[in-house]
C-alpha cells in the first residue's frame, strides 16, 4: 500500500470511531477502537511500539512508545486534548526523526468535527 492509501484508511477509521464515540473519552479508548477498526479493514499495525533513542552511538530505552505504527510506515499519535499544542506536533516530528519514518498523523479526538483535529506531517 502507498502512503496516501494508508493515511486514507487511517483517517476513515478514525472518523468512524469519532462518529460512534464523539469527544470526551481517554486517549486509550480511542486507540483501542482505532486499532479495532484497522483490524476490520485488514490494515497491519503495531500498538505501543517502543522507540529507543540513539545518542552518541548508544541505543537508550527512554520509555518512548508510539501510539500506533501502521503498515510499518505511518506513525499515528492519538490525543484527547482541548487543542493541539506545538509540543504535540514537535513530539510527532521527533518520533518521525528517531524512527526514520516519513509520515505521521496527529489525531485529536476531543473536537466536535474530527477533520479539525487531524494534522498530517511529512519529513
PDB file of N, CA and C in Angstrom:
ATOM      1  N   UNK A   1       0.835  -1.187   0.000  1.00  0.00           N
ATOM      2  CA  UNK A   1       0.000   0.000   0.000  1.00  0.00           C
ATOM      3  C   UNK A   1       0.876   1.246   0.000  1.00  0.00           C
ATOM      4  N   UNK A   2       0.483   2.253  -0.745  1.00  0.00           N
ATOM      5  CA  UNK A   2       1.240   3.505  -0.753  1.00  0.00           C
ATOM      6  C   UNK A   2       0.793   4.383   0.416  1.00  0.00           C
ATOM      7  N   UNK A   3       1.621   5.365   0.755  1.00  0.00           N
ATOM      8  CA  UNK A   3       1.379   6.190   1.950  1.00  0.00           C
ATOM      9  C   UNK A   3       0.024   6.896   1.930  1.00  0.00           C
ATOM     10  N   UNK A   4      -0.369   7.453   0.796  1.00  0.00           N
ATOM     11  CA  UNK A   4      -1.664   8.150   0.733  1.00  0.00           C
ATOM     12  C   UNK A   4      -2.827   7.193   0.989  1.00  0.00           C
ATOM     13  N   UNK A   5      -2.723   5.984   0.469  1.00  0.00           N
ATOM     14  CA  UNK A   5      -3.771   4.992   0.682  1.00  0.00           C
ATOM     15  C   UNK A   5      -3.841   4.590   2.159  1.00  0.00           C
ATOM     16  N   UNK A   6      -2.688   4.450   2.772  1.00  0.00           N
ATOM     17  CA  UNK A   6      -2.640   4.106   4.199  1.00  0.00           C
ATOM     18  C   UNK A   6      -3.277   5.216   5.033  1.00  0.00           C
ATOM     19  N   UNK A   7      -2.889   6.469   4.757  1.00  0.00           N
ATOM     20  CA  UNK A   7      -3.449   7.569   5.549  1.00  0.00           C
ATOM     21  C   UNK A   7      -4.957   7.708   5.337  1.00  0.00           C
ATOM     22  N   UNK A   8      -5.433   7.456   4.136  1.00  0.00           N
ATOM     23  CA  UNK A   8      -6.876   7.495   3.887  1.00  0.00           C
ATOM     24  C   UNK A   8      -7.600   6.470   4.743  1.00  0.00           C
ATOM     25  N   UNK A   9      -7.035   5.281   4.837  1.00  0.00           N
ATOM     26  CA  UNK A   9      -7.657   4.223   5.651  1.00  0.00           C
ATOM     27  C   UNK A   9      -7.629   4.587   7.131  1.00  0.00           C
ATOM     28  N   UNK A  10      -6.508   5.139   7.592  1.00  0.00           N
ATOM     29  CA  UNK A  10      -6.404   5.539   9.000  1.00  0.00           C
ATOM     30  C   UNK A  10      -7.420   6.631   9.316  1.00  0.00           C
ATOM     31  N   UNK A  11      -7.479   7.651   8.474  1.00  0.00           N
ATOM     32  CA  UNK A  11      -8.399   8.765   8.717  1.00  0.00           C
ATOM     33  C   UNK A  11      -9.850   8.287   8.643  1.00  0.00           C
ATOM     34  N   UNK A  12     -10.156   7.439   7.685  1.00  0.00           N
ATOM     35  CA  UNK A  12     -11.514   6.882   7.596  1.00  0.00           C
ATOM     36  C   UNK A  12     -11.888   6.104   8.847  1.00  0.00           C
ATOM     37  N   UNK A  13     -10.947   5.300   9.348  1.00  0.00           N
ATOM     38  CA  UNK A  13     -11.187   4.533  10.569  1.00  0.00           C
ATOM     39  C   UNK A  13     -11.374   5.466  11.760  1.00  0.00           C
ATOM     40  N   UNK A  14     -10.553   6.518  11.836  1.00  0.00           N
ATOM     41  CA  UNK A  14     -10.659   7.485  12.929  1.00  0.00           C
ATOM     42  C   UNK A  14     -12.008   8.205  12.884  1.00  0.00           C
ATOM     43  N   UNK A  15     -12.468   8.548  11.704  1.00  0.00           N
ATOM     44  CA  UNK A  15     -13.771   9.204  11.562  1.00  0.00           C
ATOM     45  C   UNK A  15     -14.883   8.272  12.041  1.00  0.00           C
ATOM     46  N   UNK A  16     -14.796   6.987  11.694  1.00  0.00           N
ATOM     47  CA  UNK A  16     -15.797   6.019  12.163  1.00  0.00           C
ATOM     48  C   UNK A  16     -15.827   5.953  13.686  1.00  0.00           C
ATOM     49  N   UNK A  17     -14.647   5.927  14.295  1.00  0.00           N
ATOM     50  CA  UNK A  17     -14.558   5.888  15.760  1.00  0.00           C
ATOM     51  C   UNK A  17     -15.170   7.161  16.356  1.00  0.00           C
ATOM     52  N   UNK A  18     -14.810   8.302  15.791  1.00  0.00           N
ATOM     53  CA  UNK A  18     -15.301   9.574  16.320  1.00  0.00           C
ATOM     54  C   UNK A  18     -16.819   9.698  16.160  1.00  0.00           C
ATOM     55  N   UNK A  19     -17.341   9.236  15.035  1.00  0.00           N
ATOM     56  CA  UNK A  19     -18.799   9.269  14.831  1.00  0.00           C
ATOM     57  C   UNK A  19     -19.518   8.437  15.888  1.00  0.00           C
ATOM     58  N   UNK A  20     -18.943   7.299  16.227  1.00  0.00           N
ATOM     59  CA  UNK A  20     -19.574   6.399  17.191  1.00  0.00           C
ATOM     60  C   UNK A  20     -19.436   6.888  18.628  1.00  0.00           C
ATOM     61  N   UNK A  21     -18.282   7.455  18.968  1.00  0.00           N
ATOM     62  CA  UNK A  21     -17.996   7.791  20.364  1.00  0.00           C
ATOM     63  C   UNK A  21     -18.051   9.272  20.691  1.00  0.00           C
ATOM     64  N   UNK A  22     -17.732  10.122  19.711  1.00  0.00           N
ATOM     65  CA  UNK A  22     -17.669  11.559  19.955  1.00  0.00           C
ATOM     66  C   UNK A  22     -16.485  11.919  20.835  1.00  0.00           C
ATOM     67  N   UNK A  23     -16.367  13.193  21.196  1.00  0.00           N
ATOM     68  CA  UNK A  23     -15.273  13.641  22.062  1.00  0.00           C
ATOM     69  C   UNK A  23     -15.549  13.292  23.526  1.00  0.00           C
ATOM     70  N   UNK A  24     -14.502  13.381  24.353  1.00  0.00           N
ATOM     71  CA  UNK A  24     -14.689  13.271  25.794  1.00  0.00           C
ATOM     72  C   UNK A  24     -14.140  12.028  26.464  1.00  0.00           C
ATOM     73  N   UNK A  25     -13.587  11.089  25.700  1.00  0.00           N
ATOM     74  CA  UNK A  25     -13.024   9.883  26.306  1.00  0.00           C
ATOM     75  C   UNK A  25     -11.511  10.008  26.451  1.00  0.00           C
ATOM     76  N   UNK A  26     -10.915   9.035  27.092  1.00  0.00           N
ATOM     77  CA  UNK A  26      -9.463   8.989  27.230  1.00  0.00           C
ATOM     78  C   UNK A  26      -8.811   8.528  25.928  1.00  0.00           C
ATOM     79  N   UNK A  27      -7.565   8.925  25.746  1.00  0.00           N
ATOM     80  CA  UNK A  27      -6.807   8.527  24.555  1.00  0.00           C
ATOM     81  C   UNK A  27      -6.785   7.013  24.392  1.00  0.00           C
ATOM     82  N   UNK A  28      -6.652   6.289  25.486  1.00  0.00           N
ATOM     83  CA  UNK A  28      -6.557   4.827  25.413  1.00  0.00           C
ATOM     84  C   UNK A  28      -7.812   4.206  24.794  1.00  0.00           C
ATOM     85  N   UNK A  29      -8.980   4.780  25.059  1.00  0.00           N
ATOM     86  CA  UNK A  29     -10.213   4.262  24.462  1.00  0.00           C
ATOM     87  C   UNK A  29     -10.214   4.484  22.956  1.00  0.00           C
ATOM     88  N   UNK A  30      -9.796   5.664  22.527  1.00  0.00           N
ATOM     89  CA  UNK A  30      -9.745   5.940  21.090  1.00  0.00           C
ATOM     90  C   UNK A  30      -8.713   5.049  20.405  1.00  0.00           C
ATOM     91  N   UNK A  31      -7.588   4.837  21.063  1.00  0.00           N
ATOM     92  CA  UNK A  31      -6.549   3.970  20.489  1.00  0.00           C
ATOM     93  C   UNK A  31      -7.080   2.557  20.305  1.00  0.00           C
ATOM     94  N   UNK A  32      -7.733   2.034  21.328  1.00  0.00           N
ATOM     95  CA  UNK A  32      -8.292   0.675  21.257  1.00  0.00           C
ATOM     96  C   UNK A  32      -9.292   0.556  20.106  1.00  0.00           C
ATOM     97  N   UNK A  33     -10.182   1.528  19.999  1.00  0.00           N
ATOM     98  CA  UNK A  33     -11.217   1.488  18.957  1.00  0.00           C
ATOM     99  C   UNK A  33     -10.619   1.691  17.565  1.00  0.00           C
ATOM    100  N   UNK A  34      -9.645   2.590  17.445  1.00  0.00           N
ATOM    101  CA  UNK A  34      -8.996   2.805  16.151  1.00  0.00           C
ATOM    102  C   UNK A  34      -8.301   1.519  15.698  1.00  0.00           C
ATOM    103  N   UNK A  35      -7.627   0.861  16.604  1.00  0.00           N
ATOM    104  CA  UNK A  35      -6.943  -0.386  16.246  1.00  0.00           C
ATOM    105  C   UNK A  35      -7.943  -1.472  15.853  1.00  0.00           C
ATOM    106  N   UNK A  36      -9.100  -1.490  16.515  1.00  0.00           N
ATOM    107  CA  UNK A  36     -10.145  -2.440  16.132  1.00  0.00           C
ATOM    108  C   UNK A  36     -10.614  -2.165  14.699  1.00  0.00           C
ATOM    109  N   UNK A  37     -10.822  -0.895  14.380  1.00  0.00           N
ATOM    110  CA  UNK A  37     -11.233  -0.525  13.011  1.00  0.00           C
ATOM    111  C   UNK A  37     -10.171  -0.926  11.987  1.00  0.00           C
ATOM    112  N   UNK A  38      -8.897  -0.692  12.315  1.00  0.00           N
ATOM    113  CA  UNK A  38      -7.819  -1.077  11.390  1.00  0.00           C
ATOM    114  C   UNK A  38      -7.799  -2.581  11.177  1.00  0.00           C
ATOM    115  N   UNK A  39      -8.057  -3.339  12.236  1.00  0.00           N
ATOM    116  CA  UNK A  39      -8.127  -4.798  12.121  1.00  0.00           C
ATOM    117  C   UNK A  39      -9.254  -5.193  11.174  1.00  0.00           C
ATOM    118  N   UNK A  40     -10.415  -4.574  11.331  1.00  0.00           N
ATOM    119  CA  UNK A  40     -11.554  -4.862  10.447  1.00  0.00           C
ATOM    120  C   UNK A  40     -11.232  -4.555   8.990  1.00  0.00           C
ATOM    121  N   UNK A  41     -10.394  -3.542   8.767  1.00  0.00           N
ATOM    122  CA  UNK A  41     -10.002  -3.159   7.399  1.00  0.00           C
ATOM    123  C   UNK A  41      -8.862  -4.015   6.853  1.00  0.00           C
ATOM    124  N   UNK A  42      -8.276  -4.853   7.697  1.00  0.00           N
ATOM    125  CA  UNK A  42      -7.154  -5.682   7.264  1.00  0.00           C
ATOM    126  C   UNK A  42      -5.858  -4.905   7.133  1.00  0.00           C
ATOM    127  N   UNK A  43      -5.721  -3.836   7.912  1.00  0.00           N
ATOM    128  CA  UNK A  43      -4.538  -2.988   7.872  1.00  0.00           C
ATOM    129  C   UNK A  43      -3.605  -3.400   9.017  1.00  0.00           C
ATOM    130  N   UNK A  44      -2.349  -3.661   8.689  1.00  0.00           N
ATOM    131  CA  UNK A  44      -1.373  -4.077   9.702  1.00  0.00           C
ATOM    132  C   UNK A  44      -0.935  -2.892  10.547  1.00  0.00           C
ATOM    133  N   UNK A  45      -0.743  -3.140  11.846  1.00  0.00           N
ATOM    134  CA  UNK A  45      -0.301  -2.077  12.751  1.00  0.00           C
ATOM    135  C   UNK A  45       0.374  -2.687  13.966  1.00  0.00           C
ATOM    136  N   UNK A  46       1.113  -1.837  14.664  1.00  0.00           N
ATOM    137  CA  UNK A  46       1.704  -2.184  15.949  1.00  0.00           C
ATOM    138  C   UNK A  46       1.243  -1.133  16.951  1.00  0.00           C
ATOM    139  N   UNK A  47       0.772  -1.573  18.098  1.00  0.00           N
ATOM    140  CA  UNK A  47       0.359  -0.655  19.170  1.00  0.00           C
ATOM    141  C   UNK A  47       1.467  -0.507  20.185  1.00  0.00           C
ATOM    142  N   UNK A  48       1.604   0.701  20.718  1.00  0.00           N
ATOM    143  CA  UNK A  48       2.562   0.983  21.783  1.00  0.00           C
ATOM    144  C   UNK A  48       3.951   0.449  21.444  1.00  0.00           C
ATOM    145  N   UNK A  49       4.391   0.742  20.240  1.00  0.00           N
ATOM    146  CA  UNK A  49       5.693   0.282  19.760  1.00  0.00           C
ATOM    147  C   UNK A  49       6.814   1.051  20.458  1.00  0.00           C
ATOM    148  N   UNK A  50       7.749   0.331  21.108  1.00  0.00           N
ATOM    149  CA  UNK A  50       8.870   1.009  21.761  1.00  0.00           C
ATOM    150  C   UNK A  50       9.708   1.796  20.756  1.00  0.00           C
ATOM    151  N   UNK A  51      10.193   2.937  21.194  1.00  0.00           N
ATOM    152  CA  UNK A  51      11.014   3.787  20.340  1.00  0.00           C
ATOM    153  C   UNK A  51      12.277   4.191  21.102  1.00  0.00           C
ATOM    154  N   UNK A  52      13.364   3.463  20.872  1.00  0.00           N
ATOM    155  CA  UNK A  52      14.611   3.810  21.562  1.00  0.00           C
ATOM    156  C   UNK A  52      15.206   5.107  21.008  1.00  0.00           C
ATOM    157  N   UNK A  53      16.055   5.713  21.800  1.00  0.00           N
ATOM    158  CA  UNK A  53      16.752   6.938  21.404  1.00  0.00           C
ATOM    159  C   UNK A  53      18.206   6.588  21.149  1.00  0.00           C
ATOM    160  N   UNK A  54      18.723   6.998  19.981  1.00  0.00           N
ATOM    161  CA  UNK A  54      20.146   6.828  19.673  1.00  0.00           C
ATOM    162  C   UNK A  54      20.877   8.089  20.106  1.00  0.00           C
ATOM    163  N   UNK A  55      21.881   7.905  20.972  1.00  0.00           N
ATOM    164  CA  UNK A  55      22.649   9.050  21.448  1.00  0.00           C
ATOM    165  C   UNK A  55      24.117   8.681  21.471  1.00  0.00           C
ATOM    166  N   UNK A  56      24.906   9.383  20.650  1.00  0.00           N
ATOM    167  CA  UNK A  56      26.346   9.168  20.556  1.00  0.00           C
ATOM    168  C   UNK A  56      26.695   7.687  20.376  1.00  0.00           C
ATOM    169  N   UNK A  57      25.953   7.063  19.466  1.00  0.00           N
ATOM    170  CA  UNK A  57      26.231   5.677  19.120  1.00  0.00           C
ATOM    171  C   UNK A  57      25.693   4.648  20.097  1.00  0.00           C
ATOM    172  N   UNK A  58      24.959   5.093  21.098  1.00  0.00           N
ATOM    173  CA  UNK A  58      24.403   4.168  22.076  1.00  0.00           C
ATOM    174  C   UNK A  58      22.885   4.203  21.958  1.00  0.00           C
ATOM    175  N   UNK A  59      22.287   3.032  21.985  1.00  0.00           N
ATOM    176  CA  UNK A  59      20.833   2.929  21.929  1.00  0.00           C
ATOM    177  C   UNK A  59      20.291   2.911  23.353  1.00  0.00           C
ATOM    178  N   UNK A  60      19.448   3.896  23.665  1.00  0.00           N
ATOM    179  CA  UNK A  60      18.905   4.047  25.011  1.00  0.00           C
ATOM    180  C   UNK A  60      17.398   3.808  25.004  1.00  0.00           C
ATOM    181  N   UNK A  61      16.937   3.026  25.945  1.00  0.00           N
ATOM    182  CA  UNK A  61      15.498   2.844  26.098  1.00  0.00           C
ATOM    183  C   UNK A  61      15.015   3.864  27.117  1.00  0.00           C
ATOM    184  N   UNK A  62      14.422   4.943  26.614  1.00  0.00           N
ATOM    185  CA  UNK A  62      13.970   6.033  27.485  1.00  0.00           C
ATOM    186  C   UNK A  62      12.473   5.949  27.779  1.00  0.00           C
ATOM    187  N   UNK A  63      11.856   4.859  27.380  1.00  0.00           N
ATOM    188  CA  UNK A  63      10.437   4.689  27.668  1.00  0.00           C
ATOM    189  C   UNK A  63       9.493   5.312  26.659  1.00  0.00           C
ATOM    190  N   UNK A  64      10.004   5.779  25.516  1.00  0.00           N
ATOM    191  CA  UNK A  64       9.119   6.340  24.493  1.00  0.00           C
ATOM    192  C   UNK A  64       8.405   5.221  23.759  1.00  0.00           C
ATOM    193  N   UNK A  65       7.142   5.467  23.457  1.00  0.00           N
ATOM    194  CA  UNK A  65       6.337   4.488  22.722  1.00  0.00           C
ATOM    195  C   UNK A  65       5.449   5.232  21.731  1.00  0.00           C
ATOM    196  N   UNK A  66       5.409   4.695  20.524  1.00  0.00           N
ATOM    197  CA  UNK A  66       4.467   5.224  19.533  1.00  0.00           C
ATOM    198  C   UNK A  66       3.087   4.706  19.883  1.00  0.00           C
ATOM    199  N   UNK A  67       2.064   5.525  19.724  1.00  0.00           N
ATOM    200  CA  UNK A  67       0.714   5.022  19.959  1.00  0.00           C
ATOM    201  C   UNK A  67       0.426   3.896  18.976  1.00  0.00           C
ATOM    202  N   UNK A  68       0.566   4.198  17.679  1.00  0.00           N
ATOM    203  CA  UNK A  68       0.306   3.191  16.655  1.00  0.00           C
ATOM    204  C   UNK A  68       1.255   3.431  15.475  1.00  0.00           C
ATOM    205  N   UNK A  69       1.844   2.354  14.978  1.00  0.00           N
ATOM    206  CA  UNK A  69       2.619   2.402  13.735  1.00  0.00           C
ATOM    207  C   UNK A  69       1.857   1.547  12.726  1.00  0.00           C
ATOM    208  N   UNK A  70       1.412   2.163  11.637  1.00  0.00           N
ATOM    209  CA  UNK A  70       0.567   1.491  10.659  1.00  0.00           C
ATOM    210  C   UNK A  70       1.379   1.113   9.428  1.00  0.00           C
ATOM    211  N   UNK A  71       1.252  -0.162   9.046  1.00  0.00           N
ATOM    212  CA  UNK A  71       1.931  -0.690   7.856  1.00  0.00           C
ATOM    213  C   UNK A  71       3.432  -0.377   7.863  1.00  0.00           C
ATOM    214  N   UNK A  72       4.021  -0.345   9.052  1.00  0.00           N
ATOM    215  CA  UNK A  72       5.453  -0.089   9.222  1.00  0.00           C
ATOM    216  C   UNK A  72       5.913   1.246   8.631  1.00  0.00           C
ATOM    217  N   UNK A  73       4.965   2.149   8.362  1.00  0.00           N
ATOM    218  CA  UNK A  73       5.376   3.371   7.672  1.00  0.00           C
ATOM    219  C   UNK A  73       4.703   4.653   8.137  1.00  0.00           C
ATOM    220  N   UNK A  74       3.562   4.592   8.796  1.00  0.00           N
ATOM    221  CA  UNK A  74       2.858   5.805   9.219  1.00  0.00           C
ATOM    222  C   UNK A  74       2.712   5.791  10.746  1.00  0.00           C
ATOM    223  N   UNK A  75       3.256   6.822  11.381  1.00  0.00           N
ATOM    224  CA  UNK A  75       3.152   6.979  12.828  1.00  0.00           C
ATOM    225  C   UNK A  75       1.844   7.702  13.131  1.00  0.00           C
ATOM    226  N   UNK A  76       1.061   7.139  14.058  1.00  0.00           N
ATOM    227  CA  UNK A  76      -0.190   7.771  14.479  1.00  0.00           C
ATOM    228  C   UNK A  76      -0.072   8.099  15.965  1.00  0.00           C
ATOM    229  N   UNK A  77      -0.159   9.377  16.272  1.00  0.00           N
ATOM    230  CA  UNK A  77      -0.126   9.843  17.651  1.00  0.00           C
ATOM    231  C   UNK A  77      -1.534  10.311  17.999  1.00  0.00           C
ATOM    232  N   UNK A  78      -2.121   9.690  19.014  1.00  0.00           N
ATOM    233  CA  UNK A  78      -3.502   9.949  19.388  1.00  0.00           C
ATOM    234  C   UNK A  78      -3.548  10.892  20.589  1.00  0.00           C
ATOM    235  N   UNK A  79      -4.415  11.873  20.490  1.00  0.00           N
ATOM    236  CA  UNK A  79      -4.615  12.834  21.573  1.00  0.00           C
ATOM    237  C   UNK A  79      -6.101  12.969  21.873  1.00  0.00           C
ATOM    238  N   UNK A  80      -6.402  13.382  23.100  1.00  0.00           N
ATOM    239  CA  UNK A  80      -7.761  13.743  23.506  1.00  0.00           C
ATOM    240  C   UNK A  80      -7.614  14.981  24.394  1.00  0.00           C
ATOM    241  N   UNK A  81      -7.278  16.090  23.746  1.00  0.00           N
ATOM    242  CA  UNK A  81      -6.954  17.334  24.446  1.00  0.00           C
ATOM    243  C   UNK A  81      -7.840  18.471  23.938  1.00  0.00           C
ATOM    244  N   UNK A  82      -7.862  19.571  24.693  1.00  0.00           N
ATOM    245  CA  UNK A  82      -8.672  20.722  24.282  1.00  0.00           C
ATOM    246  C   UNK A  82      -8.231  21.278  22.938  1.00  0.00           C
ATOM    247  N   UNK A  83      -6.903  21.332  22.747  1.00  0.00           N
ATOM    248  CA  UNK A  83      -6.388  21.780  21.454  1.00  0.00           C
ATOM    249  C   UNK A  83      -4.975  21.247  21.242  1.00  0.00           C
ATOM    250  N   UNK A  84      -4.636  21.027  20.004  1.00  0.00           N
ATOM    251  CA  UNK A  84      -3.287  20.571  19.680  1.00  0.00           C
ATOM    252  C   UNK A  84      -2.328  21.732  19.899  1.00  0.00           C
ATOM    253  N   UNK A  85      -1.306  21.464  20.675  1.00  0.00           N
ATOM    254  CA  UNK A  85      -0.299  22.474  21.003  1.00  0.00           C
ATOM    255  C   UNK A  85       0.967  22.208  20.194  1.00  0.00           C
ATOM    256  N   UNK A  86       1.832  23.202  20.071  1.00  0.00           N
ATOM    257  CA  UNK A  86       3.101  22.990  19.352  1.00  0.00           C
ATOM    258  C   UNK A  86       3.915  21.827  19.906  1.00  0.00           C
ATOM    259  N   UNK A  87       3.842  21.554  21.207  1.00  0.00           N
ATOM    260  CA  UNK A  87       4.597  20.441  21.780  1.00  0.00           C
ATOM    261  C   UNK A  87       4.109  19.098  21.242  1.00  0.00           C
ATOM    262  N   UNK A  88       2.820  18.982  20.946  1.00  0.00           N
ATOM    263  CA  UNK A  88       2.281  17.743  20.378  1.00  0.00           C
ATOM    264  C   UNK A  88       2.824  17.519  18.971  1.00  0.00           C
ATOM    265  N   UNK A  89       2.876  18.593  18.191  1.00  0.00           N
ATOM    266  CA  UNK A  89       3.424  18.472  16.837  1.00  0.00           C
ATOM    267  C   UNK A  89       4.913  18.180  16.884  1.00  0.00           C
ATOM    268  N   UNK A  90       5.622  18.812  17.835  1.00  0.00           N
ATOM    269  CA  UNK A  90       7.058  18.551  17.993  1.00  0.00           C
ATOM    270  C   UNK A  90       7.296  17.095  18.376  1.00  0.00           C
ATOM    271  N   UNK A  91       6.443  16.557  19.233  1.00  0.00           N
ATOM    272  CA  UNK A  91       6.549  15.152  19.634  1.00  0.00           C
ATOM    273  C   UNK A  91       6.438  14.238  18.421  1.00  0.00           C
ATOM    274  N   UNK A  92       5.444  14.478  17.577  1.00  0.00           N
ATOM    275  CA  UNK A  92       5.264  13.662  16.381  1.00  0.00           C
ATOM    276  C   UNK A  92       6.480  13.763  15.465  1.00  0.00           C
ATOM    277  N   UNK A  93       6.952  14.977  15.223  1.00  0.00           N
ATOM    278  CA  UNK A  93       8.122  15.160  14.346  1.00  0.00           C
ATOM    279  C   UNK A  93       9.359  14.471  14.910  1.00  0.00           C
ATOM    280  N   UNK A  94       9.522  14.515  16.215  1.00  0.00           N
ATOM    281  CA  UNK A  94      10.666  13.853  16.846  1.00  0.00           C
ATOM    282  C   UNK A  94      10.554  12.343  16.681  1.00  0.00           C
ATOM    283  N   UNK A  95       9.374  11.794  16.858  1.00  0.00           N
ATOM    284  CA  UNK A  95       9.177  10.357  16.656  1.00  0.00           C
ATOM    285  C   UNK A  95       9.518   9.966  15.218  1.00  0.00           C
ATOM    286  N   UNK A  96       9.100  10.789  14.265  1.00  0.00           N
ATOM    287  CA  UNK A  96       9.414  10.501  12.865  1.00  0.00           C
ATOM    288  C   UNK A  96      10.924  10.476  12.645  1.00  0.00           C
ATOM    289  N   UNK A  97      11.614  11.460  13.202  1.00  0.00           N
ATOM    290  CA  UNK A  97      13.070  11.528  13.043  1.00  0.00           C
ATOM    291  C   UNK A  97      13.764  10.348  13.704  1.00  0.00           C
ATOM    292  N   UNK A  98      13.379  10.040  14.943  1.00  0.00           N
ATOM    293  CA  UNK A  98      14.023   8.954  15.678  1.00  0.00           C
ATOM    294  C   UNK A  98      13.850   7.601  14.990  1.00  0.00           C
ATOM    295  N   UNK A  99      12.686   7.388  14.388  1.00  0.00           N
ATOM    296  CA  UNK A  99      12.404   6.111  13.746  1.00  0.00           C
ATOM    297  C   UNK A  99      12.664   6.078  12.259  1.00  0.00           C
ATOM    298  N   UNK A 100      13.103   7.203  11.698  1.00  0.00           N
ATOM    299  CA  UNK A 100      13.357   7.317  10.258  1.00  0.00           C
ATOM    300  C   UNK A 100      12.112   7.033   9.416  1.00  0.00           C
ATOM    301  N   UNK A 101      10.955   7.479   9.910  1.00  0.00           N
ATOM    302  CA  UNK A 101       9.730   7.389   9.123  1.00  0.00           C
ATOM    303  C   UNK A 101       9.488   8.739   8.467  1.00  0.00           C
ATOM    304  N   UNK A 102       8.728   8.745   7.381  1.00  0.00           N
ATOM    305  CA  UNK A 102       8.491   9.984   6.636  1.00  0.00           C
ATOM    306  C   UNK A 102       7.159  10.651   6.967  1.00  0.00           C
ATOM    307  N   UNK A 103       6.180   9.871   7.398  1.00  0.00           N
ATOM    308  CA  UNK A 103       4.824  10.400   7.503  1.00  0.00           C
ATOM    309  C   UNK A 103       4.208  10.090   8.862  1.00  0.00           C
ATOM    310  N   UNK A 104       3.531  11.087   9.419  1.00  0.00           N
ATOM    311  CA  UNK A 104       2.848  10.894  10.690  1.00  0.00           C
ATOM    312  C   UNK A 104       1.514  11.616  10.722  1.00  0.00           C
ATOM    313  N   UNK A 105       0.598  11.076  11.505  1.00  0.00           N
ATOM    314  CA  UNK A 105      -0.699  11.704  11.727  1.00  0.00           C
ATOM    315  C   UNK A 105      -0.861  11.970  13.220  1.00  0.00           C
ATOM    316  N   UNK A 106      -1.248  13.167  13.537  1.00  0.00           N
ATOM    317  CA  UNK A 106      -1.584  13.552  14.900  1.00  0.00           C
ATOM    318  C   UNK A 106      -3.103  13.706  14.901  1.00  0.00           C
ATOM    319  N   UNK A 107      -3.785  12.868  15.678  1.00  0.00           N
ATOM    320  CA  UNK A 107      -5.247  12.866  15.664  1.00  0.00           C
ATOM    321  C   UNK A 107      -5.756  13.205  17.055  1.00  0.00           C
ATOM    322  N   UNK A 108      -6.449  14.345  17.152  1.00  0.00           N
ATOM    323  CA  UNK A 108      -7.061  14.771  18.405  1.00  0.00           C
ATOM    324  C   UNK A 108      -8.557  14.471  18.337  1.00  0.00           C
ATOM    325  N   UNK A 109      -8.994  13.503  19.147  1.00  0.00           N
ATOM    326  CA  UNK A 109     -10.392  13.087  19.137  1.00  0.00           C
ATOM    327  C   UNK A 109     -11.296  14.002  19.963  1.00  0.00           C
ATOM    328  N   UNK A 110     -10.722  14.918  20.714  1.00  0.00           N
ATOM    329  CA  UNK A 110     -11.527  15.770  21.595  1.00  0.00           C
ATOM    330  C   UNK A 110     -11.966  17.051  20.881  1.00  0.00           C
ATOM    331  N   UNK A 111     -12.572  16.878  19.720  1.00  0.00           N
ATOM    332  CA  UNK A 111     -13.081  18.003  18.925  1.00  0.00           C
ATOM    333  C   UNK A 111     -14.475  17.635  18.404  1.00  0.00           C
ATOM    334  N   UNK A 112     -15.321  18.650  18.145  1.00  0.00           N
ATOM    335  CA  UNK A 112     -16.659  18.348  17.620  1.00  0.00           C
ATOM    336  C   UNK A 112     -16.623  17.723  16.219  1.00  0.00           C
ATOM    337  N   UNK A 113     -15.710  18.204  15.367  1.00  0.00           N
ATOM    338  CA  UNK A 113     -15.589  17.698  13.994  1.00  0.00           C
ATOM    339  C   UNK A 113     -14.159  17.180  13.837  1.00  0.00           C
ATOM    340  N   UNK A 114     -14.011  15.873  13.593  1.00  0.00           N
ATOM    341  CA  UNK A 114     -12.691  15.254  13.631  1.00  0.00           C
ATOM    342  C   UNK A 114     -11.709  15.849  12.625  1.00  0.00           C
ATOM    343  N   UNK A 115     -12.175  16.247  11.445  1.00  0.00           N
ATOM    344  CA  UNK A 115     -11.234  16.783  10.455  1.00  0.00           C
ATOM    345  C   UNK A 115     -10.466  17.994  11.000  1.00  0.00           C
ATOM    346  N   UNK A 116     -11.051  18.689  11.983  1.00  0.00           N
ATOM    347  CA  UNK A 116     -10.368  19.822  12.605  1.00  0.00           C
ATOM    348  C   UNK A 116      -9.307  19.383  13.613  1.00  0.00           C
ATOM    349  N   UNK A 117      -9.289  18.094  13.937  1.00  0.00           N
ATOM    350  CA  UNK A 117      -8.336  17.584  14.910  1.00  0.00           C
ATOM    351  C   UNK A 117      -7.226  16.745  14.301  1.00  0.00           C
ATOM    352  N   UNK A 118      -7.120  16.740  12.976  1.00  0.00           N
ATOM    353  CA  UNK A 118      -6.117  15.903  12.308  1.00  0.00           C
ATOM    354  C   UNK A 118      -5.011  16.764  11.714  1.00  0.00           C
ATOM    355  N   UNK A 119      -3.779  16.396  12.018  1.00  0.00           N
ATOM    356  CA  UNK A 119      -2.597  17.045  11.424  1.00  0.00           C
ATOM    357  C   UNK A 119      -1.773  15.961  10.738  1.00  0.00           C
ATOM    358  N   UNK A 120      -1.413  16.201   9.497  1.00  0.00           N
ATOM    359  CA  UNK A 120      -0.571  15.285   8.729  1.00  0.00           C
ATOM    360  C   UNK A 120       0.792  15.936   8.564  1.00  0.00           C
ATOM    361  N   UNK A 121       1.828  15.240   8.950  1.00  0.00           N
ATOM    362  CA  UNK A 121       3.183  15.786   8.867  1.00  0.00           C
ATOM    363  C   UNK A 121       4.084  14.854   8.088  1.00  0.00           C
ATOM    364  N   UNK A 122       4.903  15.471   7.231  1.00  0.00           N
ATOM    365  CA  UNK A 122       5.848  14.731   6.396  1.00  0.00           C
ATOM    366  C   UNK A 122       7.251  15.272   6.643  1.00  0.00           C
ATOM    367  N   UNK A 123       8.209  14.381   6.772  1.00  0.00           N
ATOM    368  CA  UNK A 123       9.615  14.786   6.889  1.00  0.00           C
ATOM    369  C   UNK A 123      10.261  14.744   5.522  1.00  0.00           C
TER     370      UNK A 123
END
